[in-house]
Protein backbone atom coordinates (compact mmCIF):
# COMPACT_ATOMS: atom_id res chain seq x y z
CA MET A 1 -51.47 -82.93 13.74
CA LYS A 2 -48.75 -84.48 15.86
CA PRO A 3 -48.22 -88.22 15.41
CA THR A 4 -49.04 -90.42 18.40
CA LEU A 5 -46.41 -92.95 19.36
CA ASP A 6 -45.54 -94.67 22.61
CA GLN A 7 -43.65 -92.51 25.11
CA PRO A 8 -40.40 -94.56 25.02
CA ILE A 9 -40.19 -94.09 21.24
CA LEU A 10 -40.76 -90.34 21.53
CA LEU A 11 -38.15 -90.07 24.28
CA ASP A 12 -35.68 -92.02 22.15
CA LEU A 13 -36.23 -89.61 19.24
CA ALA A 14 -35.81 -86.62 21.58
CA ASP A 15 -32.64 -88.19 23.00
CA GLN A 16 -31.14 -88.75 19.57
CA THR A 17 -32.08 -85.19 18.56
CA GLY A 18 -30.27 -83.77 21.58
CA ARG A 19 -27.22 -85.95 21.08
CA ARG A 20 -26.77 -84.53 17.58
CA PHE A 21 -27.17 -80.84 18.54
CA ALA A 22 -30.35 -80.89 16.40
CA VAL A 23 -28.22 -81.16 13.24
CA PHE A 24 -28.98 -84.26 11.22
CA PRO A 25 -27.39 -86.12 8.33
CA PRO A 26 -29.67 -86.45 5.29
CA ASP A 27 -30.47 -90.11 6.05
CA PHE A 28 -31.30 -89.52 9.72
CA PRO A 29 -35.05 -90.34 9.46
CA GLN A 30 -34.28 -93.60 7.65
CA ARG A 31 -31.67 -94.57 10.23
CA MET A 32 -34.04 -93.74 13.08
CA ALA A 33 -36.78 -95.82 11.44
CA ARG A 34 -34.43 -98.82 11.41
CA ARG A 35 -33.34 -98.12 14.99
CA ILE A 36 -36.93 -97.93 16.23
CA GLN A 37 -37.84 -101.12 14.41
CA ARG A 38 -34.87 -102.94 15.97
CA LYS A 39 -35.22 -101.49 19.45
CA PHE A 40 -39.02 -101.31 19.86
CA LYS A 41 -40.23 -103.83 17.25
CA VAL A 42 -42.48 -101.17 15.70
CA LYS A 43 -42.54 -99.78 12.17
CA VAL A 44 -42.72 -96.02 12.01
CA GLY A 45 -42.83 -94.11 8.75
CA VAL A 46 -39.86 -91.99 7.74
CA ASP A 47 -42.16 -88.99 7.22
CA VAL A 48 -43.52 -89.33 10.77
CA ILE A 49 -40.00 -89.47 12.17
CA ALA A 50 -38.91 -86.47 10.10
CA GLU A 51 -41.88 -84.45 11.38
CA LEU A 52 -41.17 -85.32 15.02
CA VAL A 53 -37.42 -84.76 14.76
CA ASN A 54 -37.88 -81.38 13.07
CA GLY A 55 -40.19 -80.34 15.91
CA TYR A 56 -37.67 -81.53 18.48
CA ALA A 57 -34.92 -79.65 16.64
CA ALA A 58 -36.99 -76.45 16.96
CA ILE A 59 -37.29 -77.08 20.71
CA TYR A 60 -33.53 -77.66 20.96
CA CYS A 61 -32.76 -74.43 19.09
CA PHE A 62 -35.12 -72.43 21.31
CA ALA A 63 -33.74 -74.05 24.46
CA ASP A 64 -30.22 -73.23 23.32
CA SER A 65 -31.18 -69.62 22.65
CA VAL A 66 -32.66 -68.98 26.12
CA LEU A 67 -30.14 -70.92 28.20
CA TYR A 68 -27.80 -67.95 28.59
CA GLU A 69 -30.66 -65.88 30.07
CA CYS A 70 -31.13 -68.54 32.75
CA LEU A 71 -27.57 -68.70 34.02
CA VAL A 72 -27.09 -67.48 37.56
CA PRO A 73 -23.85 -65.66 38.43
CA VAL A 74 -21.00 -68.12 37.97
CA ARG A 75 -19.26 -69.09 41.19
CA GLY A 76 -16.08 -70.43 39.66
CA GLU A 77 -14.01 -69.94 36.56
CA TYR A 78 -16.40 -71.93 34.37
CA SER A 79 -20.16 -72.44 34.32
CA SER A 80 -21.55 -75.77 35.44
CA PRO A 81 -25.04 -77.30 35.39
CA ASP A 82 -25.47 -75.95 38.94
CA ASP A 83 -25.25 -72.44 37.49
CA VAL A 84 -28.51 -72.82 35.55
CA ASP A 85 -31.73 -71.53 37.11
CA ASP A 86 -33.44 -74.77 36.16
CA GLU A 87 -36.93 -73.66 37.15
CA LYS A 88 -36.76 -70.47 35.09
CA TYR A 89 -35.17 -72.32 32.15
CA ARG A 90 -37.78 -75.07 32.00
CA ALA A 91 -40.58 -72.53 32.50
CA LYS A 92 -39.40 -70.60 29.43
CA ILE A 93 -39.29 -73.75 27.33
CA SER A 94 -42.68 -74.95 28.58
CA ALA A 95 -44.23 -71.54 27.87
CA GLN A 96 -42.92 -71.63 24.30
CA PHE A 97 -44.07 -75.24 23.71
CA PRO A 98 -47.14 -75.69 25.95
CA ASP A 99 -48.54 -78.65 24.02
CA GLU A 100 -45.35 -80.70 24.21
CA ASP A 101 -44.91 -83.49 26.74
CA PRO A 102 -42.90 -82.27 29.76
CA GLU A 103 -40.67 -85.39 29.63
CA ILE A 104 -39.71 -84.59 26.04
CA LEU A 105 -38.94 -80.98 26.96
CA SER A 106 -36.89 -82.14 29.92
CA GLU A 107 -34.89 -84.58 27.78
CA ILE A 108 -34.05 -81.93 25.19
CA ALA A 109 -33.31 -79.27 27.84
CA GLY A 110 -30.95 -81.69 29.56
CA TRP A 111 -28.95 -82.22 26.38
CA THR A 112 -28.85 -78.49 25.71
CA ILE A 113 -27.41 -77.85 29.17
CA PHE A 114 -24.97 -80.74 28.81
CA TYR A 115 -23.53 -79.48 25.50
CA TYR A 116 -23.59 -75.79 26.39
CA LEU A 117 -21.72 -76.25 29.64
CA ARG A 118 -19.21 -78.94 28.74
């Protein structure tokens, strides 16, 4: 069963997952627990954070794997965010993770595009 937390906390966890390419140091859940307590004044268990972050990492890995399929023909020398068929890309991610909040999927997809095309 997925833990229920306020949306800003979940978005913050998704944001931090995307910023780290879904690769975490061993103490990441503990550091995120401290961050959430400081930023949101809420205590969240390390095990809850680890469960959420691992789920978000799976979304990131899937999003990364399908991004290439959603690139439109490149107009210039390099790909840019404009070269992503955003509708097709987000539809693929949503189809794979239908129970996930669309804002979370959007946050993670945004980071995947950002890192892939930089």
